[in-house]
Amino acid sequence: MATTVHEPSIEDPSRLGTTSGHGGWRNLVPGEVELRAVEHYAPPPASTGIWVALAAISMSFLALTSALVVRKGGSFDWRHFNLPIILYWNTAVLVASSVSLEVARRQVATFMGGQRQKVQNPSRWLYVTLFLGFLFVAGQYVAWRQLRAQGLYLATNPSSSFFYVLTAAHGLHVLGGLGGLIRVLHLLGKFVLRRSTLDATSRYWHFMDVLWIYLLVLLSIKL
C-alpha cells in the first residue's frame, strides 16, 4: 500500500527554526502567496526588451550629441547653414503618425477585448500610421537632396557631417519601427497579436517621435 508523505509547510515556524535576519530560512524561501504575486506582476518579455532597446538608443544619441558639442566648441571651420524647411513638415507628419498609432492601439485593444462589433476595421489606423511613417522617411530624403543641391555633402563640413549622421541614424531606427508595425499588422491579420507586442511597438514609435523633436531642436541651435 502506498504511503503519502506530506511535506512540511514553509510557513510552519517549527520547521523553519527561529533564525531571523538575512540568514534565516524565511528570507530564502518565499511563501506561496509571494510567488503568485511575483508571477502576476512579472512584465512580459516584449515590455522588458523594448525598455532595454530604448535605453541603448538613448545612450547612442547622447554620445553623438556630446561629440557634436565638443567638435563645434573646438573648431574654427564650423559652417552654419539653414535647415531645410521640409524638416518641420516632416516633424508634423511624425507627430500625426503618433496620434494615429494611439488611435489604432485603442481600437485594436477594443477589438481584442471581444467587442468586435464596435470596431469594423481595427487595422485601418495602423495602415495610416504606416503610410505616415514612410512619408516621413521620404521627406527626410528630400531634405538630404536639398542640402546636396546647396553643395553640402557628408564630407563638406563638420556641421553637415553631423546633420547627415544624426538624421540618417534616426531614419534607420524609424525604418525599424516601420518593420515592427508591419509585423503587428501581420499578427493582427492572423488573430495572434499579443497586447504586449502592440504596446512595445507603440512605445518604440512614440520614442522615435520624441527623439526626432529633440534632434530638430539640437540641429536648429547648433547648426
N, C-alpha and C. Protein backbone atom coordinates (compact mmCIF):
# COMPACT_ATOMS: atom_id res chain seq x y z
N MET A 1 0.87 -1.20 0.00
CA MET A 1 0.00 0.00 0.00
C MET A 1 0.90 1.24 0.00
N ALA A 2 0.58 2.16 -0.89
CA ALA A 2 1.39 3.37 -0.99
C ALA A 2 1.13 4.27 0.19
N THR A 3 2.16 4.92 0.62
CA THR A 3 2.06 5.83 1.76
C THR A 3 2.30 7.25 1.29
N THR A 4 1.42 8.15 1.60
CA THR A 4 1.56 9.55 1.20
C THR A 4 2.34 10.30 2.26
N VAL A 5 3.41 10.93 1.83
CA VAL A 5 4.25 11.70 2.75
C VAL A 5 3.98 13.17 2.53
N HIS A 6 3.53 13.86 3.54
CA HIS A 6 3.22 15.29 3.43
C HIS A 6 4.46 16.10 3.75
N GLU A 7 4.83 16.98 2.79
CA GLU A 7 5.99 17.84 3.03
C GLU A 7 5.61 18.94 4.00
N PRO A 8 6.54 19.35 4.84
CA PRO A 8 6.24 20.40 5.80
C PRO A 8 5.97 21.72 5.11
N SER A 9 5.04 22.49 5.62
CA SER A 9 4.74 23.80 5.06
C SER A 9 5.88 24.75 5.34
N ILE A 10 6.20 25.63 4.35
CA ILE A 10 7.31 26.56 4.54
C ILE A 10 6.94 27.67 5.50
N GLU A 11 5.64 27.75 5.85
CA GLU A 11 5.22 28.78 6.79
C GLU A 11 5.13 28.24 8.22
N ASP A 12 5.51 26.95 8.44
CA ASP A 12 5.47 26.35 9.77
C ASP A 12 6.67 26.81 10.57
N PRO A 13 6.52 27.59 11.63
CA PRO A 13 7.66 28.11 12.39
C PRO A 13 8.52 27.01 12.98
N SER A 14 7.90 25.89 13.33
CA SER A 14 8.68 24.82 13.94
C SER A 14 9.63 24.19 12.96
N ARG A 15 9.29 24.23 11.66
CA ARG A 15 10.16 23.67 10.64
C ARG A 15 11.22 24.67 10.19
N LEU A 16 10.89 25.95 10.25
CA LEU A 16 11.82 26.97 9.77
C LEU A 16 12.86 27.30 10.82
N GLY A 17 12.56 27.07 12.07
CA GLY A 17 13.51 27.47 13.11
C GLY A 17 13.26 28.89 13.53
N THR A 18 14.04 29.35 14.44
CA THR A 18 13.84 30.69 14.98
C THR A 18 14.85 31.68 14.45
N THR A 19 15.62 31.27 13.47
CA THR A 19 16.65 32.16 12.93
C THR A 19 15.99 33.31 12.21
N SER A 20 16.41 34.51 12.48
CA SER A 20 15.86 35.70 11.84
C SER A 20 16.98 36.46 11.18
N GLY A 21 16.59 37.51 10.47
CA GLY A 21 17.59 38.32 9.78
C GLY A 21 17.85 37.76 8.40
N HIS A 22 18.97 38.18 7.79
CA HIS A 22 19.26 37.80 6.43
C HIS A 22 19.69 36.35 6.33
N GLY A 23 20.01 35.69 7.45
CA GLY A 23 20.45 34.32 7.37
C GLY A 23 19.35 33.32 7.61
N GLY A 24 18.12 33.78 7.91
CA GLY A 24 17.04 32.87 8.22
C GLY A 24 16.43 32.24 6.98
N TRP A 25 15.80 31.07 7.15
CA TRP A 25 15.17 30.39 6.04
C TRP A 25 14.02 31.20 5.45
N ARG A 26 13.36 31.96 6.32
CA ARG A 26 12.19 32.70 5.83
C ARG A 26 12.58 33.70 4.75
N ASN A 27 13.82 34.18 4.76
CA ASN A 27 14.27 35.13 3.75
C ASN A 27 14.73 34.44 2.48
N LEU A 28 15.00 33.14 2.58
CA LEU A 28 15.49 32.41 1.42
C LEU A 28 14.37 31.76 0.63
N VAL A 29 13.30 31.34 1.28
CA VAL A 29 12.21 30.64 0.61
C VAL A 29 10.95 31.49 0.68
N PRO A 30 10.51 32.10 -0.43
CA PRO A 30 9.31 32.93 -0.39
C PRO A 30 8.07 32.08 -0.22
N GLY A 31 7.05 32.67 0.39
CA GLY A 31 5.80 31.97 0.57
C GLY A 31 5.04 31.82 -0.74
N GLU A 32 4.03 30.97 -0.71
CA GLU A 32 3.25 30.70 -1.91
C GLU A 32 2.55 31.95 -2.40
N VAL A 33 2.05 32.76 -1.46
CA VAL A 33 1.37 34.00 -1.84
C VAL A 33 2.33 34.95 -2.52
N GLU A 34 3.56 35.01 -2.00
CA GLU A 34 4.56 35.90 -2.59
C GLU A 34 4.91 35.44 -3.99
N LEU A 35 5.02 34.12 -4.20
CA LEU A 35 5.34 33.61 -5.52
C LEU A 35 4.24 33.96 -6.53
N ARG A 36 3.00 33.83 -6.12
CA ARG A 36 1.91 34.19 -7.02
C ARG A 36 1.94 35.68 -7.36
N ALA A 37 2.32 36.50 -6.39
CA ALA A 37 2.40 37.94 -6.64
C ALA A 37 3.50 38.25 -7.65
N VAL A 38 4.64 37.56 -7.53
CA VAL A 38 5.75 37.79 -8.46
C VAL A 38 5.33 37.39 -9.86
N GLU A 39 4.66 36.23 -9.99
CA GLU A 39 4.23 35.80 -11.31
C GLU A 39 3.19 36.75 -11.89
N HIS A 40 2.33 37.29 -11.05
CA HIS A 40 1.28 38.18 -11.53
C HIS A 40 1.84 39.49 -12.05
N TYR A 41 2.88 40.01 -11.40
CA TYR A 41 3.41 41.31 -11.76
C TYR A 41 4.65 41.22 -12.65
N ALA A 42 5.05 40.03 -13.05
CA ALA A 42 6.21 39.90 -13.93
C ALA A 42 5.91 40.52 -15.28
N PRO A 43 6.76 41.46 -15.77
CA PRO A 43 6.49 42.10 -17.06
C PRO A 43 6.73 41.12 -18.20
N PRO A 44 5.98 41.24 -19.30
CA PRO A 44 6.20 40.37 -20.46
C PRO A 44 7.55 40.66 -21.10
N PRO A 45 8.13 39.66 -21.80
CA PRO A 45 9.45 39.87 -22.43
C PRO A 45 9.48 41.05 -23.39
N ALA A 46 8.40 41.25 -24.15
CA ALA A 46 8.38 42.37 -25.11
C ALA A 46 8.51 43.70 -24.40
N SER A 47 7.86 43.85 -23.25
CA SER A 47 7.92 45.10 -22.50
C SER A 47 9.32 45.34 -21.94
N THR A 48 9.92 44.30 -21.40
CA THR A 48 11.28 44.44 -20.86
C THR A 48 12.28 44.74 -21.96
N GLY A 49 12.16 44.02 -23.06
CA GLY A 49 13.10 44.21 -24.17
C GLY A 49 13.05 45.59 -24.77
N ILE A 50 11.85 46.17 -24.87
CA ILE A 50 11.75 47.48 -25.51
C ILE A 50 12.39 48.55 -24.66
N TRP A 51 12.27 48.45 -23.32
CA TRP A 51 12.90 49.44 -22.46
C TRP A 51 14.42 49.35 -22.54
N VAL A 52 14.94 48.13 -22.66
CA VAL A 52 16.40 47.96 -22.82
C VAL A 52 16.85 48.58 -24.14
N ALA A 53 16.07 48.33 -25.21
CA ALA A 53 16.42 48.88 -26.52
C ALA A 53 16.37 50.41 -26.51
N LEU A 54 15.36 50.98 -25.89
CA LEU A 54 15.25 52.44 -25.84
C LEU A 54 16.38 53.07 -25.04
N ALA A 55 16.80 52.38 -23.97
CA ALA A 55 17.92 52.89 -23.18
C ALA A 55 19.20 52.89 -24.01
N ALA A 56 19.42 51.83 -24.78
CA ALA A 56 20.61 51.74 -25.62
C ALA A 56 20.60 52.81 -26.71
N ILE A 57 19.44 53.02 -27.32
CA ILE A 57 19.33 54.06 -28.36
C ILE A 57 19.58 55.44 -27.76
N SER A 58 19.04 55.69 -26.59
CA SER A 58 19.24 56.98 -25.92
C SER A 58 20.72 57.25 -25.66
N MET A 59 21.42 56.24 -25.18
CA MET A 59 22.85 56.40 -24.91
C MET A 59 23.63 56.68 -26.19
N SER A 60 23.23 56.03 -27.29
CA SER A 60 23.93 56.25 -28.56
C SER A 60 23.76 57.69 -29.04
N PHE A 61 22.55 58.21 -28.97
CA PHE A 61 22.32 59.57 -29.44
C PHE A 61 22.88 60.61 -28.48
N LEU A 62 22.95 60.29 -27.20
CA LEU A 62 23.61 61.19 -26.27
C LEU A 62 25.10 61.26 -26.55
N ALA A 63 25.68 60.14 -26.94
CA ALA A 63 27.10 60.13 -27.30
C ALA A 63 27.34 60.98 -28.55
N LEU A 64 26.45 60.88 -29.54
CA LEU A 64 26.58 61.70 -30.74
C LEU A 64 26.38 63.18 -30.42
N THR A 65 25.47 63.48 -29.52
CA THR A 65 25.25 64.87 -29.10
C THR A 65 26.50 65.43 -28.44
N SER A 66 27.10 64.64 -27.56
CA SER A 66 28.33 65.07 -26.90
C SER A 66 29.45 65.31 -27.91
N ALA A 67 29.56 64.43 -28.90
CA ALA A 67 30.58 64.59 -29.92
C ALA A 67 30.35 65.86 -30.74
N LEU A 68 29.09 66.17 -31.04
CA LEU A 68 28.76 67.40 -31.78
C LEU A 68 29.15 68.64 -30.99
N VAL A 69 28.81 68.67 -29.72
CA VAL A 69 29.11 69.85 -28.89
C VAL A 69 30.61 70.05 -28.76
N VAL A 70 31.34 68.95 -28.52
CA VAL A 70 32.79 69.05 -28.37
C VAL A 70 33.45 69.48 -29.68
N ARG A 71 33.00 68.90 -30.79
CA ARG A 71 33.60 69.21 -32.10
C ARG A 71 33.35 70.67 -32.47
N LYS A 72 32.15 71.16 -32.21
CA LYS A 72 31.87 72.56 -32.54
C LYS A 72 32.64 73.51 -31.63
N GLY A 73 32.77 73.16 -30.37
CA GLY A 73 33.46 74.04 -29.43
C GLY A 73 34.93 74.22 -29.74
N GLY A 74 35.56 73.20 -30.31
CA GLY A 74 36.99 73.30 -30.60
C GLY A 74 37.29 73.44 -32.06
N SER A 75 36.36 73.95 -32.85
CA SER A 75 36.53 74.03 -34.29
C SER A 75 36.46 75.47 -34.77
N PHE A 76 37.33 75.78 -35.76
CA PHE A 76 37.32 77.10 -36.40
C PHE A 76 36.78 77.01 -37.83
N ASP A 77 36.44 75.79 -38.26
CA ASP A 77 35.95 75.60 -39.63
C ASP A 77 34.48 75.22 -39.66
N TRP A 78 33.79 75.47 -38.54
CA TRP A 78 32.37 75.11 -38.46
C TRP A 78 31.55 76.04 -39.34
N ARG A 79 30.76 75.48 -40.21
CA ARG A 79 29.96 76.27 -41.15
C ARG A 79 28.49 76.17 -40.79
N HIS A 80 27.90 77.30 -40.47
CA HIS A 80 26.47 77.31 -40.14
C HIS A 80 25.65 77.34 -41.43
N PHE A 81 24.52 76.67 -41.40
CA PHE A 81 23.61 76.69 -42.55
C PHE A 81 22.18 76.53 -42.04
N ASN A 82 21.25 76.96 -42.86
CA ASN A 82 19.83 76.88 -42.51
C ASN A 82 19.28 75.49 -42.81
N LEU A 83 18.53 74.97 -41.89
CA LEU A 83 17.92 73.66 -42.10
C LEU A 83 16.83 73.74 -43.15
N PRO A 84 16.67 72.71 -43.98
CA PRO A 84 15.59 72.71 -44.97
C PRO A 84 14.22 72.84 -44.29
N ILE A 85 13.37 73.65 -44.87
CA ILE A 85 12.04 73.88 -44.30
C ILE A 85 11.22 72.60 -44.21
N ILE A 86 11.49 71.67 -45.12
CA ILE A 86 10.70 70.44 -45.14
C ILE A 86 10.86 69.62 -43.86
N LEU A 87 11.94 69.85 -43.12
CA LEU A 87 12.13 69.13 -41.86
C LEU A 87 11.01 69.42 -40.87
N TYR A 88 10.50 70.63 -40.90
CA TYR A 88 9.41 70.99 -39.99
C TYR A 88 8.10 70.33 -40.43
N TRP A 89 7.91 70.19 -41.73
CA TRP A 89 6.75 69.44 -42.21
C TRP A 89 6.88 67.97 -41.85
N ASN A 90 8.09 67.46 -41.96
CA ASN A 90 8.32 66.07 -41.57
C ASN A 90 8.00 65.84 -40.09
N THR A 91 8.31 66.84 -39.28
CA THR A 91 8.00 66.74 -37.85
C THR A 91 6.50 66.64 -37.62
N ALA A 92 5.74 67.45 -38.35
CA ALA A 92 4.28 67.40 -38.23
C ALA A 92 3.74 66.03 -38.67
N VAL A 93 4.34 65.47 -39.71
CA VAL A 93 3.93 64.15 -40.19
C VAL A 93 4.20 63.09 -39.14
N LEU A 94 5.36 63.16 -38.50
CA LEU A 94 5.71 62.15 -37.50
C LEU A 94 4.82 62.27 -36.26
N VAL A 95 4.52 63.49 -35.85
CA VAL A 95 3.61 63.69 -34.71
C VAL A 95 2.23 63.14 -35.05
N ALA A 96 1.77 63.38 -36.28
CA ALA A 96 0.48 62.86 -36.71
C ALA A 96 0.47 61.33 -36.70
N SER A 97 1.60 60.73 -37.04
CA SER A 97 1.68 59.27 -37.03
C SER A 97 1.57 58.72 -35.61
N SER A 98 2.11 59.43 -34.62
CA SER A 98 1.96 59.00 -33.23
C SER A 98 0.51 59.08 -32.79
N VAL A 99 -0.19 60.13 -33.24
CA VAL A 99 -1.60 60.27 -32.89
C VAL A 99 -2.41 59.13 -33.51
N SER A 100 -2.17 58.84 -34.78
CA SER A 100 -2.90 57.77 -35.45
C SER A 100 -2.58 56.41 -34.84
N LEU A 101 -1.34 56.22 -34.40
CA LEU A 101 -0.98 54.95 -33.76
C LEU A 101 -1.69 54.78 -32.43
N GLU A 102 -1.85 55.86 -31.69
CA GLU A 102 -2.55 55.77 -30.41
C GLU A 102 -4.02 55.44 -30.64
N VAL A 103 -4.61 56.04 -31.68
CA VAL A 103 -5.99 55.69 -32.02
C VAL A 103 -6.09 54.22 -32.41
N ALA A 104 -5.10 53.76 -33.20
CA ALA A 104 -5.08 52.36 -33.62
C ALA A 104 -4.93 51.43 -32.43
N ARG A 105 -4.07 51.80 -31.49
CA ARG A 105 -3.85 50.95 -30.32
C ARG A 105 -5.13 50.78 -29.50
N ARG A 106 -5.87 51.85 -29.35
CA ARG A 106 -7.12 51.78 -28.59
C ARG A 106 -8.16 50.93 -29.33
N GLN A 107 -8.23 51.09 -30.65
CA GLN A 107 -9.22 50.33 -31.41
C GLN A 107 -8.87 48.84 -31.43
N VAL A 108 -7.58 48.54 -31.57
CA VAL A 108 -7.17 47.14 -31.55
C VAL A 108 -7.42 46.52 -30.19
N ALA A 109 -7.17 47.29 -29.13
CA ALA A 109 -7.43 46.79 -27.78
C ALA A 109 -8.92 46.49 -27.59
N THR A 110 -9.78 47.36 -28.12
CA THR A 110 -11.22 47.11 -28.05
C THR A 110 -11.61 45.87 -28.84
N PHE A 111 -11.00 45.72 -30.01
CA PHE A 111 -11.29 44.56 -30.87
C PHE A 111 -10.83 43.27 -30.20
N MET A 112 -9.63 43.29 -29.61
CA MET A 112 -9.09 42.10 -28.96
C MET A 112 -9.81 41.81 -27.65
N GLY A 113 -10.49 42.81 -27.10
CA GLY A 113 -11.21 42.61 -25.85
C GLY A 113 -12.57 41.95 -26.03
N GLY A 114 -12.89 41.56 -27.27
CA GLY A 114 -14.15 40.87 -27.52
C GLY A 114 -15.27 41.76 -28.01
N GLN A 115 -15.01 43.06 -28.16
CA GLN A 115 -16.04 43.99 -28.62
C GLN A 115 -15.85 44.28 -30.11
N ARG A 116 -15.88 43.23 -30.90
CA ARG A 116 -15.59 43.36 -32.33
C ARG A 116 -16.67 44.12 -33.08
N GLN A 117 -17.86 44.13 -32.55
CA GLN A 117 -18.94 44.85 -33.23
C GLN A 117 -18.73 46.36 -33.19
N LYS A 118 -17.90 46.85 -32.26
CA LYS A 118 -17.64 48.28 -32.15
C LYS A 118 -16.54 48.75 -33.09
N VAL A 119 -15.72 47.82 -33.59
CA VAL A 119 -14.60 48.17 -34.47
C VAL A 119 -14.70 47.31 -35.73
N GLN A 120 -15.06 47.94 -36.84
CA GLN A 120 -15.22 47.19 -38.08
C GLN A 120 -13.88 46.82 -38.71
N ASN A 121 -12.94 47.77 -38.66
CA ASN A 121 -11.63 47.53 -39.28
C ASN A 121 -10.53 48.02 -38.34
N PRO A 122 -10.05 47.18 -37.41
CA PRO A 122 -9.07 47.62 -36.43
C PRO A 122 -7.71 47.95 -37.01
N SER A 123 -7.43 47.49 -38.22
CA SER A 123 -6.11 47.74 -38.81
C SER A 123 -6.05 49.03 -39.61
N ARG A 124 -7.17 49.72 -39.76
CA ARG A 124 -7.21 50.91 -40.62
C ARG A 124 -6.22 51.98 -40.16
N TRP A 125 -6.25 52.29 -38.86
CA TRP A 125 -5.36 53.34 -38.36
C TRP A 125 -3.92 52.88 -38.30
N LEU A 126 -3.69 51.59 -38.23
CA LEU A 126 -2.31 51.08 -38.31
C LEU A 126 -1.74 51.33 -39.70
N TYR A 127 -2.57 51.16 -40.72
CA TYR A 127 -2.12 51.45 -42.09
C TYR A 127 -1.88 52.95 -42.27
N VAL A 128 -2.70 53.77 -41.63
CA VAL A 128 -2.47 55.21 -41.68
C VAL A 128 -1.11 55.57 -41.05
N THR A 129 -0.82 54.96 -39.92
CA THR A 129 0.47 55.20 -39.26
C THR A 129 1.61 54.74 -40.14
N LEU A 130 1.45 53.58 -40.76
CA LEU A 130 2.49 53.05 -41.65
C LEU A 130 2.74 53.99 -42.82
N PHE A 131 1.67 54.52 -43.41
CA PHE A 131 1.81 55.46 -44.53
C PHE A 131 2.53 56.73 -44.09
N LEU A 132 2.14 57.28 -42.94
CA LEU A 132 2.79 58.50 -42.45
C LEU A 132 4.26 58.26 -42.12
N GLY A 133 4.58 57.07 -41.63
CA GLY A 133 5.97 56.75 -41.34
C GLY A 133 6.82 56.73 -42.60
N PHE A 134 6.32 56.10 -43.65
CA PHE A 134 7.05 56.09 -44.92
C PHE A 134 7.11 57.48 -45.53
N LEU A 135 6.06 58.29 -45.32
CA LEU A 135 6.07 59.67 -45.80
C LEU A 135 7.15 60.47 -45.09
N PHE A 136 7.34 60.23 -43.80
CA PHE A 136 8.39 60.91 -43.05
C PHE A 136 9.77 60.55 -43.61
N VAL A 137 10.01 59.27 -43.86
CA VAL A 137 11.31 58.84 -44.41
C VAL A 137 11.54 59.47 -45.78
N ALA A 138 10.50 59.52 -46.61
CA ALA A 138 10.63 60.14 -47.93
C ALA A 138 10.94 61.63 -47.79
N GLY A 139 10.31 62.28 -46.81
CA GLY A 139 10.58 63.70 -46.57
C GLY A 139 12.02 63.94 -46.14
N GLN A 140 12.57 63.03 -45.33
CA GLN A 140 13.97 63.16 -44.92
C GLN A 140 14.90 63.04 -46.13
N TYR A 141 14.56 62.15 -47.03
CA TYR A 141 15.38 62.00 -48.24
C TYR A 141 15.33 63.27 -49.09
N VAL A 142 14.16 63.90 -49.16
CA VAL A 142 14.03 65.17 -49.89
C VAL A 142 14.91 66.24 -49.24
N ALA A 143 14.96 66.26 -47.91
CA ALA A 143 15.80 67.23 -47.20
C ALA A 143 17.27 67.02 -47.53
N TRP A 144 17.70 65.77 -47.61
CA TRP A 144 19.09 65.48 -47.97
C TRP A 144 19.39 65.96 -49.40
N ARG A 145 18.46 65.76 -50.30
CA ARG A 145 18.66 66.21 -51.67
C ARG A 145 18.73 67.74 -51.75
N GLN A 146 17.96 68.42 -50.93
CA GLN A 146 18.02 69.88 -50.93
C GLN A 146 19.36 70.38 -50.43
N LEU A 147 19.92 69.70 -49.43
CA LEU A 147 21.24 70.09 -48.95
C LEU A 147 22.31 69.80 -50.00
N ARG A 148 22.18 68.70 -50.70
CA ARG A 148 23.13 68.38 -51.76
C ARG A 148 23.07 69.41 -52.88
N ALA A 149 21.87 69.93 -53.15
CA ALA A 149 21.73 70.96 -54.17
C ALA A 149 22.44 72.25 -53.77
N GLN A 150 22.61 72.44 -52.44
CA GLN A 150 23.34 73.61 -51.94
C GLN A 150 24.84 73.36 -51.83
N GLY A 151 25.28 72.18 -52.22
CA GLY A 151 26.69 71.84 -52.15
C GLY A 151 27.13 71.34 -50.80
N LEU A 152 26.20 70.91 -49.97
CA LEU A 152 26.52 70.40 -48.64
C LEU A 152 26.40 68.87 -48.65
N TYR A 153 27.55 68.21 -48.56
CA TYR A 153 27.60 66.76 -48.56
C TYR A 153 28.11 66.27 -47.20
N LEU A 154 28.23 64.96 -47.08
CA LEU A 154 28.66 64.37 -45.82
C LEU A 154 30.04 64.87 -45.40
N ALA A 155 30.96 65.02 -46.35
CA ALA A 155 32.32 65.41 -46.03
C ALA A 155 32.61 66.88 -46.31
N THR A 156 31.59 67.67 -46.59
CA THR A 156 31.80 69.08 -46.91
C THR A 156 32.29 69.86 -45.71
N ASN A 157 31.67 69.65 -44.56
CA ASN A 157 31.97 70.41 -43.36
C ASN A 157 31.57 69.58 -42.15
N PRO A 158 32.22 69.80 -40.99
CA PRO A 158 31.80 69.04 -39.79
C PRO A 158 30.32 69.21 -39.47
N SER A 159 29.77 70.40 -39.71
CA SER A 159 28.36 70.62 -39.40
C SER A 159 27.45 69.78 -40.29
N SER A 160 27.75 69.74 -41.58
CA SER A 160 26.94 68.92 -42.48
C SER A 160 27.14 67.43 -42.20
N SER A 161 28.34 67.06 -41.77
CA SER A 161 28.59 65.65 -41.43
C SER A 161 27.69 65.21 -40.28
N PHE A 162 27.61 66.03 -39.24
CA PHE A 162 26.75 65.68 -38.10
C PHE A 162 25.29 65.66 -38.50
N PHE A 163 24.89 66.56 -39.40
CA PHE A 163 23.50 66.56 -39.84
C PHE A 163 23.15 65.24 -40.51
N TYR A 164 23.99 64.80 -41.44
CA TYR A 164 23.71 63.56 -42.16
C TYR A 164 23.76 62.35 -41.22
N VAL A 165 24.73 62.33 -40.31
CA VAL A 165 24.87 61.18 -39.41
C VAL A 165 23.67 61.08 -38.48
N LEU A 166 23.28 62.19 -37.86
CA LEU A 166 22.17 62.17 -36.90
C LEU A 166 20.84 61.84 -37.58
N THR A 167 20.56 62.49 -38.71
CA THR A 167 19.29 62.24 -39.38
C THR A 167 19.24 60.85 -40.00
N ALA A 168 20.38 60.36 -40.51
CA ALA A 168 20.40 59.01 -41.08
C ALA A 168 20.23 57.96 -39.99
N ALA A 169 20.89 58.16 -38.84
CA ALA A 169 20.75 57.21 -37.73
C ALA A 169 19.31 57.15 -37.25
N HIS A 170 18.69 58.32 -37.14
CA HIS A 170 17.28 58.35 -36.74
C HIS A 170 16.40 57.70 -37.80
N GLY A 171 16.69 57.97 -39.06
CA GLY A 171 15.90 57.38 -40.14
C GLY A 171 15.96 55.85 -40.14
N LEU A 172 17.14 55.31 -39.86
CA LEU A 172 17.27 53.85 -39.80
C LEU A 172 16.44 53.27 -38.66
N HIS A 173 16.42 53.97 -37.54
CA HIS A 173 15.60 53.50 -36.42
C HIS A 173 14.10 53.61 -36.74
N VAL A 174 13.72 54.63 -37.50
CA VAL A 174 12.33 54.74 -37.92
C VAL A 174 11.96 53.58 -38.84
N LEU A 175 12.87 53.20 -39.72
CA LEU A 175 12.63 52.05 -40.58
C LEU A 175 12.43 50.78 -39.75
N GLY A 176 13.20 50.67 -38.67
CA GLY A 176 12.99 49.54 -37.76
C GLY A 176 11.60 49.56 -37.14
N GLY A 177 11.13 50.76 -36.79
CA GLY A 177 9.78 50.89 -36.26
C GLY A 177 8.72 50.53 -37.30
N LEU A 178 8.97 50.89 -38.56
CA LEU A 178 8.04 50.52 -39.62
C LEU A 178 7.98 49.00 -39.79
N GLY A 179 9.14 48.35 -39.63
CA GLY A 179 9.14 46.90 -39.66
C GLY A 179 8.32 46.31 -38.53
N GLY A 180 8.39 46.95 -37.35
CA GLY A 180 7.59 46.50 -36.23
C GLY A 180 6.10 46.67 -36.49
N LEU A 181 5.72 47.77 -37.14
CA LEU A 181 4.30 47.99 -37.47
C LEU A 181 3.80 46.96 -38.48
N ILE A 182 4.65 46.62 -39.44
CA ILE A 182 4.26 45.61 -40.43
C ILE A 182 4.05 44.26 -39.74
N ARG A 183 4.92 43.96 -38.78
CA ARG A 183 4.76 42.71 -38.02
C ARG A 183 3.47 42.72 -37.22
N VAL A 184 3.12 43.85 -36.61
CA VAL A 184 1.88 43.96 -35.85
C VAL A 184 0.68 43.72 -36.77
N LEU A 185 0.70 44.31 -37.97
CA LEU A 185 -0.39 44.11 -38.92
C LEU A 185 -0.50 42.64 -39.33
N HIS A 186 0.66 42.00 -39.51
CA HIS A 186 0.65 40.58 -39.88
C HIS A 186 0.05 39.72 -38.78
N LEU A 187 0.45 39.97 -37.54
CA LEU A 187 -0.08 39.19 -36.42
C LEU A 187 -1.56 39.46 -36.19
N LEU A 188 -1.96 40.72 -36.39
CA LEU A 188 -3.36 41.07 -36.23
C LEU A 188 -4.22 40.36 -37.27
N GLY A 189 -3.70 40.27 -38.49
CA GLY A 189 -4.44 39.59 -39.54
C GLY A 189 -4.62 38.10 -39.28
N LYS A 190 -3.67 37.52 -38.53
CA LYS A 190 -3.76 36.10 -38.18
C LYS A 190 -4.44 35.88 -36.83
N PHE A 191 -4.88 36.96 -36.18
CA PHE A 191 -5.56 36.91 -34.88
C PHE A 191 -4.67 36.29 -33.80
N VAL A 192 -3.38 36.55 -33.88
CA VAL A 192 -2.46 36.04 -32.86
C VAL A 192 -1.64 37.18 -32.24
N LEU A 193 -2.12 38.40 -32.39
CA LEU A 193 -1.40 39.56 -31.86
C LEU A 193 -1.55 39.62 -30.34
N ARG A 194 -0.43 39.81 -29.65
CA ARG A 194 -0.45 39.97 -28.20
C ARG A 194 -0.50 41.46 -27.84
N ARG A 195 -1.16 41.75 -26.76
CA ARG A 195 -1.26 43.14 -26.31
C ARG A 195 0.12 43.71 -26.00
N SER A 196 1.00 42.89 -25.42
CA SER A 196 2.34 43.36 -25.07
C SER A 196 3.15 43.72 -26.31
N THR A 197 2.94 42.99 -27.41
CA THR A 197 3.65 43.30 -28.67
C THR A 197 3.20 44.64 -29.22
N LEU A 198 1.90 44.88 -29.21
CA LEU A 198 1.37 46.15 -29.69
C LEU A 198 1.85 47.31 -28.82
N ASP A 199 1.83 47.13 -27.51
CA ASP A 199 2.27 48.19 -26.60
C ASP A 199 3.76 48.49 -26.78
N ALA A 200 4.57 47.45 -26.94
CA ALA A 200 6.01 47.66 -27.13
C ALA A 200 6.30 48.40 -28.43
N THR A 201 5.59 48.04 -29.49
CA THR A 201 5.77 48.73 -30.77
C THR A 201 5.34 50.18 -30.66
N SER A 202 4.26 50.44 -29.94
CA SER A 202 3.77 51.81 -29.76
C SER A 202 4.78 52.65 -28.98
N ARG A 203 5.33 52.08 -27.92
CA ARG A 203 6.32 52.82 -27.13
C ARG A 203 7.54 53.18 -27.99
N TYR A 204 7.99 52.23 -28.80
CA TYR A 204 9.14 52.49 -29.66
C TYR A 204 8.83 53.62 -30.64
N TRP A 205 7.65 53.58 -31.24
CA TRP A 205 7.31 54.59 -32.24
C TRP A 205 7.18 55.98 -31.60
N HIS A 206 6.54 56.05 -30.45
CA HIS A 206 6.41 57.34 -29.77
C HIS A 206 7.79 57.87 -29.36
N PHE A 207 8.68 56.96 -29.00
CA PHE A 207 10.04 57.38 -28.64
C PHE A 207 10.75 57.97 -29.86
N MET A 208 10.55 57.38 -31.04
CA MET A 208 11.14 57.93 -32.25
C MET A 208 10.63 59.35 -32.52
N ASP A 209 9.38 59.59 -32.19
CA ASP A 209 8.78 60.92 -32.34
C ASP A 209 9.48 61.91 -31.42
N VAL A 210 9.58 61.57 -30.14
CA VAL A 210 10.22 62.46 -29.17
C VAL A 210 11.70 62.66 -29.51
N LEU A 211 12.36 61.59 -29.94
CA LEU A 211 13.78 61.69 -30.29
C LEU A 211 13.98 62.64 -31.47
N TRP A 212 13.11 62.59 -32.47
CA TRP A 212 13.26 63.47 -33.61
C TRP A 212 13.07 64.94 -33.22
N ILE A 213 12.09 65.21 -32.37
CA ILE A 213 11.89 66.60 -31.92
C ILE A 213 13.14 67.10 -31.19
N TYR A 214 13.73 66.23 -30.38
CA TYR A 214 14.98 66.60 -29.69
C TYR A 214 16.09 66.89 -30.70
N LEU A 215 16.22 66.04 -31.71
CA LEU A 215 17.27 66.25 -32.71
C LEU A 215 17.04 67.52 -33.52
N LEU A 216 15.79 67.80 -33.83
CA LEU A 216 15.49 69.01 -34.60
C LEU A 216 15.86 70.27 -33.81
N VAL A 217 15.54 70.27 -32.52
CA VAL A 217 15.92 71.41 -31.68
C VAL A 217 17.44 71.52 -31.59
N LEU A 218 18.11 70.39 -31.41
CA LEU A 218 19.57 70.38 -31.32
C LEU A 218 20.20 70.91 -32.60
N LEU A 219 19.73 70.44 -33.74
CA LEU A 219 20.31 70.87 -35.00
C LEU A 219 20.01 72.35 -35.28
N SER A 220 18.84 72.79 -34.89
CA SER A 220 18.48 74.20 -35.09
C SER A 220 19.39 75.13 -34.28
N ILE A 221 19.77 74.69 -33.09
CA ILE A 221 20.60 75.52 -32.22
C ILE A 221 22.08 75.46 -32.61
N LYS A 222 22.55 74.26 -32.91
CA LYS A 222 23.99 74.06 -33.12
C LYS A 222 24.45 74.25 -34.57
N LEU A 223 23.53 74.07 -35.52
CA LEU A 223 23.94 74.20 -36.92
C LEU A 223 23.57 75.56 -37.49
